[in-house]
């Protein structure tokens, strides 16, 4: 219940912030999948918003995210969002720009708030 409430609150705050604010961030259409008990989920083509933890903390008026980490946020629908802390090495520094996201050679990987592993493919050839 706590995760659903947090997700709903985060979605509300982020949607207001994203649509009313031009802070540094990058939006890309990507093919994503997550690790299940017996393999990977099906693939989803979604819009992903990338931000640093510092930007995400500012957007949510919190200190819940690691300031120097990069996060991928996927909005699934009303009150549903997944926040993925990326483990992939990116040269974004203090701000996420599309240049630092687009310069990644491999698929991006990370873990969501429930500990599920995610794979984010930004190229035309996703496995």
C-alpha atoms as a PDB file:
ATOM      1  CA  UNK A   1       0.000   0.000   0.000  1.00  0.00           C
ATOM      2  CA  UNK A   2       2.874   2.365   0.860  1.00  0.00           C
ATOM      3  CA  UNK A   3       4.468   1.887  -2.582  1.00  0.00           C
ATOM      4  CA  UNK A   4       1.150   2.552  -4.368  1.00  0.00           C
ATOM      5  CA  UNK A   5       0.569   5.720  -2.342  1.00  0.00           C
ATOM      6  CA  UNK A   6       4.137   6.881  -2.967  1.00  0.00           C
ATOM      7  CA  UNK A   7       3.770   6.121  -6.675  1.00  0.00           C
ATOM      8  CA  UNK A   8       0.489   8.039  -6.922  1.00  0.00           C
ATOM      9  CA  UNK A   9       1.949  11.032  -5.075  1.00  0.00           C
ATOM     10  CA  UNK A  10       5.115  10.944  -7.174  1.00  0.00           C
ATOM     11  CA  UNK A  11       3.103  10.759 -10.387  1.00  0.00           C
ATOM     12  CA  UNK A  12       0.981  13.744  -9.414  1.00  0.00           C
ATOM     13  CA  UNK A  13       3.962  15.869  -8.411  1.00  0.00           C
ATOM     14  CA  UNK A  14       6.082  14.886 -11.393  1.00  0.00           C
ATOM     15  CA  UNK A  15       3.304  15.407 -13.915  1.00  0.00           C
ATOM     16  CA  UNK A  16       2.693  18.930 -12.649  1.00  0.00           C
ATOM     17  CA  UNK A  17       6.418  19.658 -12.598  1.00  0.00           C
ATOM     18  CA  UNK A  18       7.162  18.140 -16.010  1.00  0.00           C
ATOM     19  CA  UNK A  19       4.413  19.968 -17.838  1.00  0.00           C
ATOM     20  CA  UNK A  20       4.974  23.348 -16.161  1.00  0.00           C
ATOM     21  CA  UNK A  21       8.736  23.414 -15.931  1.00  0.00           C
ATOM     22  CA  UNK A  22      11.587  23.322 -18.431  1.00  0.00           C
ATOM     23  CA  UNK A  23      14.286  21.921 -16.112  1.00  0.00           C
ATOM     24  CA  UNK A  24      17.086  19.844 -17.561  1.00  0.00           C
ATOM     25  CA  UNK A  25      15.840  16.404 -18.461  1.00  0.00           C
ATOM     26  CA  UNK A  26      15.527  14.224 -21.507  1.00  0.00           C
ATOM     27  CA  UNK A  27      12.534  12.382 -22.930  1.00  0.00           C
ATOM     28  CA  UNK A  28      13.030   9.488 -25.307  1.00  0.00           C
ATOM     29  CA  UNK A  29      10.855   6.723 -26.709  1.00  0.00           C
ATOM     30  CA  UNK A  30      12.434   3.439 -25.662  1.00  0.00           C
ATOM     31  CA  UNK A  31      11.771  -0.273 -25.610  1.00  0.00           C
ATOM     32  CA  UNK A  32      11.773  -1.466 -22.011  1.00  0.00           C
ATOM     33  CA  UNK A  33      11.456  -4.794 -20.244  1.00  0.00           C
ATOM     34  CA  UNK A  34      11.903  -6.001 -16.682  1.00  0.00           C
ATOM     35  CA  UNK A  35      13.313  -9.154 -15.135  1.00  0.00           C
ATOM     36  CA  UNK A  36      10.747 -11.677 -13.939  1.00  0.00           C
ATOM     37  CA  UNK A  37      11.283 -14.850 -11.955  1.00  0.00           C
ATOM     38  CA  UNK A  38      11.667 -16.959 -15.117  1.00  0.00           C
ATOM     39  CA  UNK A  39      13.100 -14.504 -17.614  1.00  0.00           C
ATOM     40  CA  UNK A  40      12.278 -11.121 -19.066  1.00  0.00           C
ATOM     41  CA  UNK A  41       8.828  -9.594 -19.424  1.00  0.00           C
ATOM     42  CA  UNK A  42       7.391  -8.722 -22.788  1.00  0.00           C
ATOM     43  CA  UNK A  43       8.748  -5.547 -24.350  1.00  0.00           C
ATOM     44  CA  UNK A  44       6.949  -2.225 -23.973  1.00  0.00           C
ATOM     45  CA  UNK A  45       7.508   0.815 -26.180  1.00  0.00           C
ATOM     46  CA  UNK A  46       7.067   3.845 -23.921  1.00  0.00           C
ATOM     47  CA  UNK A  47       8.244   7.387 -23.370  1.00  0.00           C
ATOM     48  CA  UNK A  48      10.971   7.518 -20.738  1.00  0.00           C
ATOM     49  CA  UNK A  49      12.002  10.687 -18.912  1.00  0.00           C
ATOM     50  CA  UNK A  50      15.596  10.807 -17.650  1.00  0.00           C
ATOM     51  CA  UNK A  51      16.658  13.025 -14.723  1.00  0.00           C
ATOM     52  CA  UNK A  52      19.403  13.120 -12.127  1.00  0.00           C
ATOM     53  CA  UNK A  53      18.467  12.401  -8.537  1.00  0.00           C
ATOM     54  CA  UNK A  54      19.138  16.058  -7.757  1.00  0.00           C
ATOM     55  CA  UNK A  55      16.623  17.129 -10.415  1.00  0.00           C
ATOM     56  CA  UNK A  56      14.149  14.503  -9.225  1.00  0.00           C
ATOM     57  CA  UNK A  57      14.507  15.687  -5.614  1.00  0.00           C
ATOM     58  CA  UNK A  58      13.823  19.250  -6.755  1.00  0.00           C
ATOM     59  CA  UNK A  59      10.833  18.135  -8.823  1.00  0.00           C
ATOM     60  CA  UNK A  60       9.333  16.185  -5.902  1.00  0.00           C
ATOM     61  CA  UNK A  61      10.492  18.586  -3.166  1.00  0.00           C
ATOM     62  CA  UNK A  62      12.147  15.660  -1.377  1.00  0.00           C
ATOM     63  CA  UNK A  63      15.504  14.060  -0.621  1.00  0.00           C
ATOM     64  CA  UNK A  64      14.397  10.542  -1.588  1.00  0.00           C
ATOM     65  CA  UNK A  65      16.767  10.108  -4.538  1.00  0.00           C
ATOM     66  CA  UNK A  66      20.536   9.853  -4.785  1.00  0.00           C
ATOM     67  CA  UNK A  67      21.627  13.270  -6.044  1.00  0.00           C
ATOM     68  CA  UNK A  68      24.328  12.113  -8.450  1.00  0.00           C
ATOM     69  CA  UNK A  69      22.520   9.095  -9.865  1.00  0.00           C
ATOM     70  CA  UNK A  70      20.511   9.136 -13.095  1.00  0.00           C
ATOM     71  CA  UNK A  71      16.900   7.949 -13.023  1.00  0.00           C
ATOM     72  CA  UNK A  72      14.528   6.822 -15.749  1.00  0.00           C
ATOM     73  CA  UNK A  73      10.844   7.551 -15.102  1.00  0.00           C
ATOM     74  CA  UNK A  74       8.087   5.756 -16.999  1.00  0.00           C
ATOM     75  CA  UNK A  75       4.494   6.963 -16.716  1.00  0.00           C
ATOM     76  CA  UNK A  76       2.086   4.113 -17.372  1.00  0.00           C
ATOM     77  CA  UNK A  77      -1.171   5.929 -16.800  1.00  0.00           C
ATOM     78  CA  UNK A  78      -3.157   7.778 -14.188  1.00  0.00           C
ATOM     79  CA  UNK A  79      -1.406   7.299 -10.840  1.00  0.00           C
ATOM     80  CA  UNK A  80       1.117   4.775 -12.189  1.00  0.00           C
ATOM     81  CA  UNK A  81       4.813   5.452 -12.613  1.00  0.00           C
ATOM     82  CA  UNK A  82       8.008   3.456 -12.381  1.00  0.00           C
ATOM     83  CA  UNK A  83      11.192   5.162 -11.189  1.00  0.00           C
ATOM     84  CA  UNK A  84      14.345   3.283 -12.189  1.00  0.00           C
ATOM     85  CA  UNK A  85      17.740   4.113 -10.716  1.00  0.00           C
ATOM     86  CA  UNK A  86      20.168   3.472 -13.569  1.00  0.00           C
ATOM     87  CA  UNK A  87      23.285   1.405 -12.927  1.00  0.00           C
ATOM     88  CA  UNK A  88      24.675   2.113 -16.387  1.00  0.00           C
ATOM     89  CA  UNK A  89      27.573   4.549 -16.502  1.00  0.00           C
ATOM     90  CA  UNK A  90      26.533   7.868 -18.053  1.00  0.00           C
ATOM     91  CA  UNK A  91      28.448  11.121 -18.383  1.00  0.00           C
ATOM     92  CA  UNK A  92      25.550  13.370 -17.395  1.00  0.00           C
ATOM     93  CA  UNK A  93      27.174  15.215 -14.501  1.00  0.00           C
ATOM     94  CA  UNK A  94      24.786  17.448 -12.562  1.00  0.00           C
ATOM     95  CA  UNK A  95      22.148  17.634 -15.312  1.00  0.00           C
ATOM     96  CA  UNK A  96      20.656  15.126 -17.664  1.00  0.00           C
ATOM     97  CA  UNK A  97      20.674  16.217 -21.273  1.00  0.00           C
ATOM     98  CA  UNK A  98      19.643  14.210 -24.294  1.00  0.00           C
ATOM     99  CA  UNK A  99      23.276  14.266 -25.455  1.00  0.00           C
ATOM    100  CA  UNK A 100      24.464  12.296 -22.429  1.00  0.00           C
ATOM    101  CA  UNK A 101      21.584   9.798 -22.805  1.00  0.00           C
ATOM    102  CA  UNK A 102      22.006   9.433 -26.570  1.00  0.00           C
ATOM    103  CA  UNK A 103      25.760   8.811 -26.205  1.00  0.00           C
ATOM    104  CA  UNK A 104      25.253   5.554 -24.324  1.00  0.00           C
ATOM    105  CA  UNK A 105      26.567   2.649 -26.362  1.00  0.00           C
ATOM    106  CA  UNK A 106      24.705  -0.191 -24.660  1.00  0.00           C
ATOM    107  CA  UNK A 107      21.173  -0.643 -23.339  1.00  0.00           C
ATOM    108  CA  UNK A 108      20.625   1.122 -20.036  1.00  0.00           C
ATOM    109  CA  UNK A 109      19.979  -1.022 -16.977  1.00  0.00           C
ATOM    110  CA  UNK A 110      18.797  -0.290 -13.480  1.00  0.00           C
ATOM    111  CA  UNK A 111      16.458  -1.170 -10.638  1.00  0.00           C
ATOM    112  CA  UNK A 112      13.044   0.220  -9.708  1.00  0.00           C
ATOM    113  CA  UNK A 113      11.702   1.049  -6.255  1.00  0.00           C
ATOM    114  CA  UNK A 114      10.597  -2.593  -5.780  1.00  0.00           C
ATOM    115  CA  UNK A 115      14.049  -3.968  -6.668  1.00  0.00           C
ATOM    116  CA  UNK A 116      13.055  -5.234 -10.121  1.00  0.00           C
ATOM    117  CA  UNK A 117      15.772  -5.097 -12.793  1.00  0.00           C
ATOM    118  CA  UNK A 118      14.952  -3.117 -15.957  1.00  0.00           C
ATOM    119  CA  UNK A 119      16.509  -2.937 -19.400  1.00  0.00           C
ATOM    120  CA  UNK A 120      16.010   0.235 -21.464  1.00  0.00           C
ATOM    121  CA  UNK A 121      16.844   0.051 -25.166  1.00  0.00           C
ATOM    122  CA  UNK A 122      17.137   3.344 -27.045  1.00  0.00           C
ATOM    123  CA  UNK A 123      18.313   1.952 -30.386  1.00  0.00           C
ATOM    124  CA  UNK A 124      16.428   0.407 -33.274  1.00  0.00           C
ATOM    125  CA  UNK A 125      17.824  -3.046 -32.473  1.00  0.00           C
ATOM    126  CA  UNK A 126      16.596  -4.333 -29.132  1.00  0.00           C
ATOM    127  CA  UNK A 127      16.949  -7.915 -27.940  1.00  0.00           C
END
